[in-house]
Amino acid sequence: MSSINSKLSCLLIEKQKLHCIFGPLKSNRVKYTCFEVSHNFLILGATSGGLYLFRRDPCVFLQLIPNKEGPVNHIALSSDEKLIAFSSLKGVTCIIEIQDGDSRVINRSVEHVGSAVTSLLWSKETNKLYIADNIGRLSVINVSLFLFIIHI
């Protein structure tokens, strides 16, 4: 995340409202590492591996989405705001589906483990996530949200 210039009058939200993003941090050891902003949401990745999800206006903390993959270094929110992709410093990329205050991991890729993920990009159709790393490797995750229910 870029350093905050003290002369800026706003950053993502009005400056006087920035205190809302620091409330959920329970420890001084946990720091935000990256962010993603959309029309409705602000998502902050942390050194703890957590994703802190906020509604933008008004700024309200919605939920902490934990992960076991390590510190988060990139976040990308799909255009329909239903899927969050993130990568960890280990090179693991995960896709999380968010709905009605709940979240679940729907895909986990280890294709870039050992490399530094440098970019995450959603296709316009929100069914493909492109992942690039520091050694020039590019991979694609095809996302399927079909749910099969079998009645017996």
N, C-alpha and C. Protein backbone atom coordinates (compact mmCIF):
# COMPACT_ATOMS: atom_id res chain seq x y z
N MET A 1 0.84 -1.15 0.00
CA MET A 1 0.00 0.00 0.00
C MET A 1 0.90 1.22 0.00
N SER A 2 0.51 2.23 -0.71
CA SER A 2 1.29 3.46 -0.79
C SER A 2 1.26 4.19 0.54
N SER A 3 2.33 4.94 0.80
CA SER A 3 2.34 5.73 2.02
C SER A 3 1.34 6.87 1.90
N ILE A 4 0.81 7.30 3.04
CA ILE A 4 -0.20 8.34 3.06
C ILE A 4 0.49 9.70 3.18
N ASN A 5 0.23 10.56 2.22
CA ASN A 5 0.77 11.91 2.24
C ASN A 5 -0.09 12.77 3.14
N SER A 6 0.51 13.46 4.09
CA SER A 6 -0.25 14.24 5.08
C SER A 6 -1.00 15.41 4.45
N LYS A 7 -0.67 15.79 3.20
CA LYS A 7 -1.34 16.91 2.54
C LYS A 7 -2.60 16.48 1.80
N LEU A 8 -2.83 15.17 1.67
CA LEU A 8 -4.03 14.71 0.98
C LEU A 8 -5.27 15.01 1.81
N SER A 9 -6.33 15.44 1.14
CA SER A 9 -7.56 15.70 1.86
C SER A 9 -8.45 14.47 1.94
N CYS A 10 -8.18 13.47 1.09
CA CYS A 10 -8.97 12.24 1.17
C CYS A 10 -8.16 11.08 0.64
N LEU A 11 -8.52 9.91 1.08
CA LEU A 11 -7.92 8.67 0.62
C LEU A 11 -8.98 7.60 0.72
N LEU A 12 -9.52 7.17 -0.41
CA LEU A 12 -10.54 6.15 -0.51
C LEU A 12 -11.88 6.59 0.09
N ILE A 13 -11.82 7.19 1.25
CA ILE A 13 -12.99 7.73 1.93
C ILE A 13 -12.54 9.04 2.57
N GLU A 14 -13.45 9.82 3.09
CA GLU A 14 -13.06 11.09 3.70
C GLU A 14 -12.07 10.85 4.84
N LYS A 15 -11.09 11.72 4.94
CA LYS A 15 -10.01 11.56 5.90
C LYS A 15 -10.51 11.42 7.34
N GLN A 16 -11.50 12.19 7.71
CA GLN A 16 -11.99 12.11 9.08
C GLN A 16 -12.68 10.79 9.37
N LYS A 17 -12.99 10.00 8.34
CA LYS A 17 -13.63 8.71 8.53
C LYS A 17 -12.65 7.55 8.47
N LEU A 18 -11.37 7.81 8.31
CA LEU A 18 -10.37 6.75 8.21
C LEU A 18 -10.26 5.91 9.48
N HIS A 19 -10.65 6.46 10.61
CA HIS A 19 -10.53 5.71 11.86
C HIS A 19 -11.31 4.39 11.81
N CYS A 20 -12.35 4.32 11.00
CA CYS A 20 -13.16 3.09 10.94
C CYS A 20 -12.38 1.90 10.42
N ILE A 21 -11.36 2.11 9.60
CA ILE A 21 -10.61 0.97 9.06
C ILE A 21 -9.59 0.42 10.06
N PHE A 22 -9.27 1.17 11.09
CA PHE A 22 -8.29 0.70 12.06
C PHE A 22 -8.93 0.02 13.27
N GLY A 23 -10.24 0.17 13.44
CA GLY A 23 -10.95 -0.43 14.55
C GLY A 23 -10.83 -1.95 14.62
N PRO A 24 -10.96 -2.67 13.50
CA PRO A 24 -10.91 -4.14 13.56
C PRO A 24 -9.53 -4.73 13.88
N LEU A 25 -8.46 -3.95 13.75
CA LEU A 25 -7.12 -4.48 14.04
C LEU A 25 -6.98 -4.66 15.54
N LYS A 26 -6.82 -5.89 15.98
CA LYS A 26 -6.74 -6.19 17.41
C LYS A 26 -5.33 -6.10 17.96
N SER A 27 -4.35 -6.08 17.09
CA SER A 27 -2.96 -6.10 17.52
C SER A 27 -2.16 -5.05 16.75
N ASN A 28 -1.19 -4.46 17.40
CA ASN A 28 -0.29 -3.51 16.72
C ASN A 28 0.66 -4.23 15.77
N ARG A 29 0.76 -5.55 15.92
CA ARG A 29 1.65 -6.32 15.05
C ARG A 29 1.03 -6.57 13.68
N VAL A 30 -0.30 -6.54 13.58
CA VAL A 30 -0.98 -6.77 12.31
C VAL A 30 -1.03 -5.45 11.54
N LYS A 31 -0.58 -5.48 10.30
CA LYS A 31 -0.56 -4.29 9.45
C LYS A 31 -1.28 -4.60 8.14
N TYR A 32 -1.88 -3.57 7.57
CA TYR A 32 -2.48 -3.72 6.25
C TYR A 32 -1.36 -3.70 5.21
N THR A 33 -1.50 -4.55 4.19
CA THR A 33 -0.45 -4.70 3.18
C THR A 33 -0.90 -4.27 1.79
N CYS A 34 -2.20 -4.34 1.50
CA CYS A 34 -2.72 -4.02 0.18
C CYS A 34 -4.21 -3.74 0.30
N PHE A 35 -4.79 -3.20 -0.78
CA PHE A 35 -6.21 -2.90 -0.73
C PHE A 35 -6.84 -3.01 -2.11
N GLU A 36 -8.17 -3.11 -2.12
CA GLU A 36 -8.98 -3.09 -3.32
C GLU A 36 -10.22 -2.26 -3.00
N VAL A 37 -10.64 -1.46 -3.96
CA VAL A 37 -11.79 -0.59 -3.77
C VAL A 37 -12.77 -0.81 -4.91
N SER A 38 -14.05 -0.88 -4.58
CA SER A 38 -15.09 -0.96 -5.60
C SER A 38 -16.15 0.07 -5.26
N HIS A 39 -17.23 0.05 -5.99
CA HIS A 39 -18.32 0.99 -5.75
C HIS A 39 -18.88 0.84 -4.33
N ASN A 40 -19.00 -0.39 -3.85
CA ASN A 40 -19.63 -0.65 -2.55
C ASN A 40 -18.67 -1.09 -1.45
N PHE A 41 -17.49 -1.59 -1.81
CA PHE A 41 -16.63 -2.20 -0.81
C PHE A 41 -15.22 -1.65 -0.79
N LEU A 42 -14.59 -1.80 0.37
CA LEU A 42 -13.16 -1.58 0.57
C LEU A 42 -12.66 -2.86 1.22
N ILE A 43 -11.62 -3.46 0.63
CA ILE A 43 -11.06 -4.70 1.16
C ILE A 43 -9.58 -4.45 1.42
N LEU A 44 -9.15 -4.77 2.63
CA LEU A 44 -7.76 -4.59 3.01
C LEU A 44 -7.14 -5.93 3.35
N GLY A 45 -6.00 -6.24 2.75
CA GLY A 45 -5.25 -7.45 3.07
C GLY A 45 -4.29 -7.14 4.21
N ALA A 46 -3.94 -8.15 4.99
CA ALA A 46 -3.11 -7.91 6.18
C ALA A 46 -1.97 -8.91 6.29
N THR A 47 -1.00 -8.54 7.13
CA THR A 47 0.14 -9.42 7.40
C THR A 47 -0.30 -10.70 8.09
N SER A 48 -1.43 -10.69 8.75
CA SER A 48 -1.96 -11.88 9.43
C SER A 48 -2.55 -12.88 8.45
N GLY A 49 -2.75 -12.47 7.20
CA GLY A 49 -3.39 -13.32 6.21
C GLY A 49 -4.87 -13.03 6.09
N GLY A 50 -5.39 -12.17 6.93
CA GLY A 50 -6.81 -11.86 6.89
C GLY A 50 -7.16 -10.84 5.83
N LEU A 51 -8.42 -10.91 5.39
CA LEU A 51 -8.99 -9.91 4.50
C LEU A 51 -10.07 -9.18 5.31
N TYR A 52 -9.94 -7.87 5.41
CA TYR A 52 -10.89 -7.07 6.18
C TYR A 52 -11.84 -6.41 5.18
N LEU A 53 -13.10 -6.78 5.25
CA LEU A 53 -14.12 -6.32 4.31
C LEU A 53 -14.94 -5.21 4.95
N PHE A 54 -15.01 -4.05 4.27
CA PHE A 54 -15.76 -2.89 4.74
C PHE A 54 -16.77 -2.47 3.69
N ARG A 55 -17.91 -1.96 4.14
CA ARG A 55 -18.81 -1.25 3.23
C ARG A 55 -18.22 0.15 3.14
N ARG A 56 -18.28 0.77 1.96
CA ARG A 56 -17.65 2.08 1.77
C ARG A 56 -18.44 3.24 2.34
N ASP A 57 -19.73 3.30 2.08
CA ASP A 57 -20.47 4.49 2.48
C ASP A 57 -21.80 4.12 3.11
N PRO A 58 -21.94 4.24 4.40
CA PRO A 58 -20.92 4.72 5.34
C PRO A 58 -19.88 3.62 5.60
N CYS A 59 -18.71 4.04 6.04
CA CYS A 59 -17.62 3.10 6.30
C CYS A 59 -17.99 2.23 7.50
N VAL A 60 -18.27 0.95 7.22
CA VAL A 60 -18.67 0.01 8.26
C VAL A 60 -17.91 -1.29 8.04
N PHE A 61 -17.30 -1.80 9.10
CA PHE A 61 -16.62 -3.09 9.03
C PHE A 61 -17.68 -4.18 8.92
N LEU A 62 -17.55 -5.06 7.89
CA LEU A 62 -18.52 -6.12 7.67
C LEU A 62 -18.04 -7.47 8.20
N GLN A 63 -16.81 -7.84 7.83
CA GLN A 63 -16.31 -9.13 8.29
C GLN A 63 -14.82 -9.28 8.08
N LEU A 64 -14.22 -10.15 8.87
CA LEU A 64 -12.84 -10.58 8.70
C LEU A 64 -12.88 -11.95 8.04
N ILE A 65 -12.20 -12.06 6.90
CA ILE A 65 -12.13 -13.34 6.18
C ILE A 65 -10.72 -13.88 6.42
N PRO A 66 -10.58 -14.88 7.28
CA PRO A 66 -9.24 -15.42 7.56
C PRO A 66 -8.76 -16.34 6.46
N ASN A 67 -7.46 -16.53 6.39
CA ASN A 67 -6.89 -17.54 5.50
C ASN A 67 -5.62 -18.07 6.12
N LYS A 68 -5.22 -19.25 5.70
CA LYS A 68 -4.04 -19.92 6.26
C LYS A 68 -2.86 -19.87 5.31
N GLU A 69 -2.95 -19.04 4.27
CA GLU A 69 -1.92 -19.01 3.23
C GLU A 69 -0.80 -18.01 3.52
N GLY A 70 -0.94 -17.22 4.57
CA GLY A 70 0.08 -16.25 4.92
C GLY A 70 -0.30 -14.84 4.52
N PRO A 71 0.63 -13.89 4.70
CA PRO A 71 0.35 -12.48 4.41
C PRO A 71 -0.16 -12.26 2.98
N VAL A 72 -1.14 -11.39 2.85
CA VAL A 72 -1.78 -11.10 1.57
C VAL A 72 -0.98 -10.02 0.85
N ASN A 73 -0.70 -10.21 -0.46
CA ASN A 73 0.04 -9.18 -1.19
C ASN A 73 -0.73 -8.58 -2.37
N HIS A 74 -1.82 -9.23 -2.82
CA HIS A 74 -2.65 -8.66 -3.89
C HIS A 74 -4.10 -9.07 -3.67
N ILE A 75 -5.01 -8.16 -4.02
CA ILE A 75 -6.45 -8.42 -3.93
C ILE A 75 -7.09 -7.91 -5.21
N ALA A 76 -8.08 -8.67 -5.72
CA ALA A 76 -8.87 -8.23 -6.87
C ALA A 76 -10.32 -8.64 -6.63
N LEU A 77 -11.22 -7.68 -6.76
CA LEU A 77 -12.65 -7.92 -6.58
C LEU A 77 -13.30 -7.99 -7.95
N SER A 78 -14.14 -8.99 -8.17
CA SER A 78 -14.80 -9.13 -9.46
C SER A 78 -15.76 -7.98 -9.70
N SER A 79 -16.10 -7.72 -10.96
CA SER A 79 -16.94 -6.58 -11.30
C SER A 79 -18.34 -6.69 -10.72
N ASP A 80 -18.82 -7.90 -10.49
CA ASP A 80 -20.14 -8.06 -9.87
C ASP A 80 -20.07 -8.04 -8.34
N GLU A 81 -18.89 -7.86 -7.79
CA GLU A 81 -18.61 -7.75 -6.36
C GLU A 81 -19.02 -8.99 -5.57
N LYS A 82 -18.99 -10.16 -6.21
CA LYS A 82 -19.34 -11.41 -5.53
C LYS A 82 -18.13 -12.28 -5.24
N LEU A 83 -17.02 -12.03 -5.94
CA LEU A 83 -15.83 -12.86 -5.79
C LEU A 83 -14.62 -12.00 -5.45
N ILE A 84 -13.86 -12.47 -4.48
CA ILE A 84 -12.60 -11.81 -4.11
C ILE A 84 -11.47 -12.78 -4.42
N ALA A 85 -10.50 -12.32 -5.18
CA ALA A 85 -9.29 -13.10 -5.42
C ALA A 85 -8.17 -12.45 -4.62
N PHE A 86 -7.32 -13.26 -4.04
CA PHE A 86 -6.16 -12.72 -3.35
C PHE A 86 -4.99 -13.68 -3.50
N SER A 87 -3.79 -13.12 -3.41
CA SER A 87 -2.59 -13.95 -3.43
C SER A 87 -1.81 -13.67 -2.15
N SER A 88 -1.05 -14.68 -1.75
CA SER A 88 -0.23 -14.55 -0.55
C SER A 88 1.24 -14.41 -0.95
N LEU A 89 2.05 -14.05 0.02
CA LEU A 89 3.49 -13.93 -0.25
C LEU A 89 4.11 -15.26 -0.65
N LYS A 90 3.45 -16.37 -0.32
CA LYS A 90 3.94 -17.70 -0.71
C LYS A 90 3.71 -17.99 -2.19
N GLY A 91 2.81 -17.21 -2.84
CA GLY A 91 2.48 -17.45 -4.23
C GLY A 91 1.17 -18.20 -4.41
N VAL A 92 0.47 -18.48 -3.32
CA VAL A 92 -0.83 -19.16 -3.39
C VAL A 92 -1.89 -18.13 -3.74
N THR A 93 -2.81 -18.49 -4.65
CA THR A 93 -3.92 -17.61 -5.02
C THR A 93 -5.22 -18.32 -4.66
N CYS A 94 -6.13 -17.58 -4.04
CA CYS A 94 -7.43 -18.13 -3.66
C CYS A 94 -8.54 -17.23 -4.18
N ILE A 95 -9.69 -17.86 -4.45
CA ILE A 95 -10.89 -17.12 -4.83
C ILE A 95 -11.94 -17.41 -3.77
N ILE A 96 -12.52 -16.35 -3.25
CA ILE A 96 -13.52 -16.44 -2.19
C ILE A 96 -14.84 -15.90 -2.73
N GLU A 97 -15.91 -16.63 -2.47
CA GLU A 97 -17.24 -16.15 -2.81
C GLU A 97 -17.83 -15.50 -1.56
N ILE A 98 -18.37 -14.28 -1.73
CA ILE A 98 -19.02 -13.61 -0.60
C ILE A 98 -20.50 -13.44 -0.92
N GLN A 99 -21.33 -13.78 0.06
CA GLN A 99 -22.77 -13.59 -0.12
C GLN A 99 -23.43 -13.56 1.25
N ASP A 100 -24.31 -12.60 1.43
CA ASP A 100 -25.10 -12.48 2.66
C ASP A 100 -24.26 -12.56 3.93
N GLY A 101 -23.15 -11.84 3.97
CA GLY A 101 -22.32 -11.81 5.17
C GLY A 101 -21.51 -13.06 5.42
N ASP A 102 -21.51 -14.00 4.50
CA ASP A 102 -20.76 -15.23 4.65
C ASP A 102 -19.74 -15.31 3.52
N SER A 103 -18.72 -16.11 3.70
CA SER A 103 -17.71 -16.28 2.66
C SER A 103 -17.20 -17.71 2.67
N ARG A 104 -16.77 -18.16 1.48
CA ARG A 104 -16.19 -19.50 1.38
C ARG A 104 -15.17 -19.52 0.25
N VAL A 105 -14.10 -20.28 0.44
CA VAL A 105 -13.09 -20.44 -0.60
C VAL A 105 -13.65 -21.40 -1.64
N ILE A 106 -13.67 -20.95 -2.89
CA ILE A 106 -14.17 -21.82 -3.97
C ILE A 106 -13.07 -22.32 -4.88
N ASN A 107 -11.87 -21.72 -4.77
CA ASN A 107 -10.76 -22.18 -5.60
C ASN A 107 -9.45 -21.79 -4.92
N ARG A 108 -8.45 -22.66 -5.04
CA ARG A 108 -7.12 -22.40 -4.49
C ARG A 108 -6.11 -22.89 -5.52
N SER A 109 -5.20 -22.01 -5.92
CA SER A 109 -4.20 -22.35 -6.92
C SER A 109 -2.80 -22.26 -6.31
N VAL A 110 -2.00 -23.29 -6.55
CA VAL A 110 -0.61 -23.29 -6.09
C VAL A 110 0.35 -23.19 -7.29
N GLU A 111 -0.17 -22.78 -8.42
CA GLU A 111 0.61 -22.67 -9.66
C GLU A 111 1.81 -21.74 -9.52
N HIS A 112 1.71 -20.72 -8.68
CA HIS A 112 2.78 -19.73 -8.57
C HIS A 112 3.55 -19.81 -7.25
N VAL A 113 3.43 -20.92 -6.53
CA VAL A 113 4.16 -21.09 -5.27
C VAL A 113 5.65 -20.98 -5.54
N GLY A 114 6.34 -20.23 -4.71
CA GLY A 114 7.77 -20.02 -4.89
C GLY A 114 8.09 -18.80 -5.72
N SER A 115 7.08 -18.20 -6.34
CA SER A 115 7.24 -16.98 -7.11
C SER A 115 6.43 -15.88 -6.44
N ALA A 116 6.68 -14.66 -6.83
CA ALA A 116 5.90 -13.53 -6.31
C ALA A 116 4.81 -13.18 -7.31
N VAL A 117 3.57 -13.32 -6.90
CA VAL A 117 2.46 -12.91 -7.76
C VAL A 117 2.52 -11.39 -7.89
N THR A 118 2.47 -10.90 -9.12
CA THR A 118 2.59 -9.47 -9.37
C THR A 118 1.28 -8.83 -9.81
N SER A 119 0.33 -9.65 -10.27
CA SER A 119 -0.92 -9.07 -10.75
C SER A 119 -2.05 -10.09 -10.75
N LEU A 120 -3.24 -9.61 -10.39
CA LEU A 120 -4.48 -10.39 -10.48
C LEU A 120 -5.45 -9.55 -11.29
N LEU A 121 -6.11 -10.16 -12.28
CA LEU A 121 -7.03 -9.42 -13.13
C LEU A 121 -8.23 -10.30 -13.49
N TRP A 122 -9.44 -9.80 -13.22
CA TRP A 122 -10.66 -10.50 -13.58
C TRP A 122 -11.03 -10.19 -15.03
N SER A 123 -11.57 -11.18 -15.73
CA SER A 123 -12.12 -10.93 -17.06
C SER A 123 -13.42 -10.14 -16.89
N LYS A 124 -13.87 -9.51 -17.95
CA LYS A 124 -15.11 -8.73 -17.88
C LYS A 124 -16.32 -9.60 -17.55
N GLU A 125 -16.26 -10.86 -17.93
CA GLU A 125 -17.38 -11.78 -17.66
C GLU A 125 -17.35 -12.33 -16.24
N THR A 126 -16.31 -12.05 -15.47
CA THR A 126 -16.15 -12.49 -14.09
C THR A 126 -16.10 -14.01 -13.95
N ASN A 127 -15.68 -14.69 -14.99
CA ASN A 127 -15.55 -16.13 -14.85
C ASN A 127 -14.11 -16.61 -15.01
N LYS A 128 -13.20 -15.68 -15.23
CA LYS A 128 -11.79 -16.03 -15.35
C LYS A 128 -10.95 -15.04 -14.56
N LEU A 129 -9.97 -15.58 -13.86
CA LEU A 129 -9.01 -14.76 -13.14
C LEU A 129 -7.64 -15.02 -13.75
N TYR A 130 -6.98 -13.95 -14.20
CA TYR A 130 -5.63 -14.04 -14.75
C TYR A 130 -4.64 -13.70 -13.65
N ILE A 131 -3.59 -14.52 -13.55
CA ILE A 131 -2.58 -14.37 -12.51
C ILE A 131 -1.21 -14.30 -13.17
N ALA A 132 -0.41 -13.29 -12.81
CA ALA A 132 0.94 -13.16 -13.35
C ALA A 132 1.94 -13.13 -12.20
N ASP A 133 3.16 -13.59 -12.48
CA ASP A 133 4.19 -13.56 -11.44
C ASP A 133 5.48 -12.93 -11.95
N ASN A 134 6.45 -12.85 -11.06
CA ASN A 134 7.70 -12.14 -11.34
C ASN A 134 8.64 -12.87 -12.29
N ILE A 135 8.35 -14.12 -12.63
CA ILE A 135 9.22 -14.82 -13.59
C ILE A 135 8.57 -14.94 -14.96
N GLY A 136 7.48 -14.17 -15.17
CA GLY A 136 6.85 -14.12 -16.47
C GLY A 136 5.80 -15.19 -16.73
N ARG A 137 5.43 -15.91 -15.71
CA ARG A 137 4.42 -16.97 -15.86
C ARG A 137 3.02 -16.36 -15.74
N LEU A 138 2.11 -16.82 -16.58
CA LEU A 138 0.72 -16.38 -16.56
C LEU A 138 -0.17 -17.61 -16.46
N SER A 139 -1.13 -17.55 -15.57
CA SER A 139 -2.08 -18.66 -15.45
C SER A 139 -3.50 -18.10 -15.39
N VAL A 140 -4.47 -18.97 -15.63
CA VAL A 140 -5.87 -18.58 -15.64
C VAL A 140 -6.65 -19.56 -14.78
N ILE A 141 -7.52 -19.02 -13.93
CA ILE A 141 -8.45 -19.85 -13.18
C ILE A 141 -9.83 -19.62 -13.76
N ASN A 142 -10.47 -20.70 -14.22
CA ASN A 142 -11.86 -20.63 -14.68
C ASN A 142 -12.75 -20.87 -13.48
N VAL A 143 -13.64 -19.94 -13.22
CA VAL A 143 -14.51 -20.01 -12.04
C VAL A 143 -15.88 -20.52 -12.46
N SER A 144 -16.34 -21.52 -11.74
CA SER A 144 -17.69 -22.04 -11.96
C SER A 144 -18.44 -21.97 -10.64
N LEU A 145 -19.58 -21.31 -10.66
CA LEU A 145 -20.37 -21.19 -9.44
C LEU A 145 -21.59 -22.08 -9.45
N PHE A 146 -21.57 -23.10 -10.29
CA PHE A 146 -22.70 -24.02 -10.33
C PHE A 146 -22.72 -24.86 -9.06
N LEU A 147 -23.88 -25.02 -8.51
CA LEU A 147 -24.06 -25.83 -7.31
C LEU A 147 -25.00 -26.97 -7.67
N PHE A 148 -24.51 -28.17 -7.51
CA PHE A 148 -25.33 -29.33 -7.81
C PHE A 148 -25.96 -29.85 -6.53
N ILE A 149 -27.27 -29.95 -6.52
CA ILE A 149 -27.98 -30.49 -5.38
C ILE A 149 -28.63 -31.80 -5.80
N ILE A 150 -28.33 -32.83 -5.07
CA ILE A 150 -28.89 -34.14 -5.38
C ILE A 150 -29.90 -34.49 -4.30
N HIS A 151 -31.13 -34.73 -4.70
CA HIS A 151 -32.17 -35.14 -3.77
C HIS A 151 -32.31 -36.65 -3.84
N ILE A 152 -32.27 -37.26 -2.69
CA ILE A 152 -32.39 -38.72 -2.63
C ILE A 152 -33.71 -39.08 -2.00
